[in-house]
Amino acid sequence: LYPVYDLDVRFNVRVGAGSELPDDLEEPYRGMATKLSQKRIDAVCVVDGETWIVELTPRIGSRTLGQLMVYSKLLREQEQLQGTIRLLAVGRSLAPDLAESLAAQNIVVVLV
């Protein structure tokens, strides 16, 4: 009745190196500080071999655009992804004058 997808979903995916830490900071504090300062992607979904980065936000604005662009670069480097990464912004509203910029970056927008 419903289509079957090969689907993998991960939430709060940490990317990037995080903040620079003092050399004398010991474990477990070093690990905790790194994890707290890394960027976090709301969701990464792999659907039928295609990777999607999902940003969930009440208002889709220029910050969302920037986050998705940075997340794409960091995830590609961190996980050594070769294929296309799709970007998806989900929110309740869209900032004025932003639809064209999002479309130019191939960012899919879903308003809920």
Protein backbone atom coordinates (compact mmCIF):
# COMPACT_ATOMS: atom_id res chain seq x y z
CA LEU A 1 0.00 0.00 0.00
CA TYR A 2 2.78 2.45 0.91
CA PRO A 3 6.09 2.80 -0.95
CA VAL A 4 9.09 1.17 0.72
CA TYR A 5 12.15 3.38 1.15
CA ASP A 6 15.66 2.56 2.23
CA LEU A 7 15.73 5.12 5.04
CA ASP A 8 18.28 6.11 7.69
CA VAL A 9 17.57 9.09 9.99
CA ARG A 10 19.92 10.61 12.58
CA PHE A 11 19.09 13.56 14.84
CA ASN A 12 21.39 16.19 16.41
CA VAL A 13 24.33 15.20 14.21
CA ARG A 14 27.49 16.92 15.44
CA VAL A 15 29.79 18.39 12.78
CA GLY A 16 32.93 20.49 12.84
CA ALA A 17 35.80 20.62 15.29
CA GLY A 18 34.14 22.77 17.92
CA SER A 19 35.90 25.52 19.84
CA GLU A 20 39.62 25.64 20.36
CA LEU A 21 40.35 24.34 23.85
CA PRO A 22 43.19 25.01 26.30
CA ASP A 23 46.00 22.44 26.03
CA ASP A 24 45.80 21.63 29.73
CA LEU A 25 42.09 20.75 29.70
CA GLU A 26 41.85 17.08 30.66
CA GLU A 27 39.36 14.37 29.82
CA PRO A 28 36.45 14.02 30.32
CA TYR A 29 36.15 17.83 30.22
CA ARG A 30 37.89 18.09 26.84
CA GLY A 31 35.39 15.69 25.26
CA MET A 32 32.42 17.42 26.85
CA ALA A 33 33.61 20.89 25.79
CA THR A 34 34.18 19.72 22.22
CA LYS A 35 30.71 18.16 21.98
CA LEU A 36 29.03 21.23 23.45
CA SER A 37 30.76 23.61 21.02
CA GLN A 38 30.28 21.63 17.81
CA LYS A 39 27.58 22.60 15.35
CA ARG A 40 24.55 20.31 15.36
CA ILE A 41 22.43 19.42 12.37
CA ASP A 42 18.78 18.89 13.32
CA ALA A 43 18.46 15.80 11.14
CA VAL A 44 20.42 13.93 8.50
CA CYS A 45 18.37 11.52 6.40
CA VAL A 46 19.61 9.09 3.81
CA VAL A 47 16.75 8.11 1.54
CA ASP A 48 17.45 5.60 -1.21
CA GLY A 49 21.15 6.55 -1.12
CA GLU A 50 20.56 10.31 -1.23
CA THR A 51 21.66 12.43 1.76
CA TRP A 52 19.35 15.17 3.06
CA ILE A 53 20.28 17.77 5.68
CA VAL A 54 17.16 19.05 7.46
CA GLU A 55 16.95 22.29 9.43
CA LEU A 56 13.82 22.77 11.54
CA THR A 57 13.03 26.32 12.60
CA PRO A 58 9.97 28.44 13.39
CA ARG A 59 11.00 31.09 10.81
CA ILE A 60 13.13 30.29 7.77
CA GLY A 61 15.51 33.21 7.35
CA SER A 62 19.03 34.07 6.22
CA ARG A 63 20.40 32.29 9.29
CA THR A 64 18.79 29.06 8.05
CA LEU A 65 20.36 29.57 4.63
CA GLY A 66 23.81 30.03 6.18
CA GLN A 67 23.45 27.08 8.53
CA LEU A 68 22.48 24.70 5.74
CA MET A 69 25.40 25.82 3.55
CA VAL A 70 27.92 25.37 6.38
CA TYR A 71 26.42 22.07 7.51
CA SER A 72 26.66 20.72 3.97
CA LYS A 73 30.38 21.49 3.74
CA LEU A 74 31.17 20.14 7.21
CA LEU A 75 29.15 16.94 6.80
CA ARG A 76 30.71 16.22 3.40
CA GLU A 77 34.21 16.60 4.87
CA GLN A 78 33.50 14.74 8.10
CA GLU A 79 31.77 11.74 6.54
CA GLN A 80 33.69 11.87 3.24
CA LEU A 81 30.47 11.97 1.24
CA GLN A 82 30.83 11.84 -2.53
CA GLY A 83 27.26 12.16 -3.78
CA THR A 84 24.80 15.01 -3.83
CA ILE A 85 23.68 16.48 -0.54
CA ARG A 86 20.14 17.85 -0.58
CA LEU A 87 19.13 20.69 1.75
CA LEU A 88 15.70 21.03 3.35
CA ALA A 89 14.37 23.88 5.49
CA VAL A 90 11.15 23.22 7.41
CA GLY A 91 9.38 26.04 9.24
CA ARG A 92 6.15 27.87 9.93
CA SER A 93 7.05 31.01 7.98
CA LEU A 94 9.52 32.31 5.43
CA ALA A 95 11.35 35.63 5.77
CA PRO A 96 10.53 38.20 3.08
CA ASP A 97 12.80 38.31 0.01
CA LEU A 98 14.46 34.98 0.83
CA ALA A 99 12.67 32.49 -1.45
CA GLU A 100 14.83 33.37 -4.46
CA SER A 101 18.10 32.99 -2.51
CA LEU A 102 17.02 29.62 -1.12
CA ALA A 103 16.02 28.42 -4.58
CA ALA A 104 19.38 29.59 -6.00
CA GLN A 105 21.11 27.27 -3.50
CA ASN A 106 18.70 24.40 -4.32
CA ILE A 107 17.27 24.48 -0.79
CA VAL A 108 13.84 22.89 -0.59
CA VAL A 109 11.41 24.80 1.64
CA VAL A 110 8.46 23.21 3.41
CA LEU A 111 6.08 25.41 5.40
CA VAL A 112 4.02 23.61 8.04
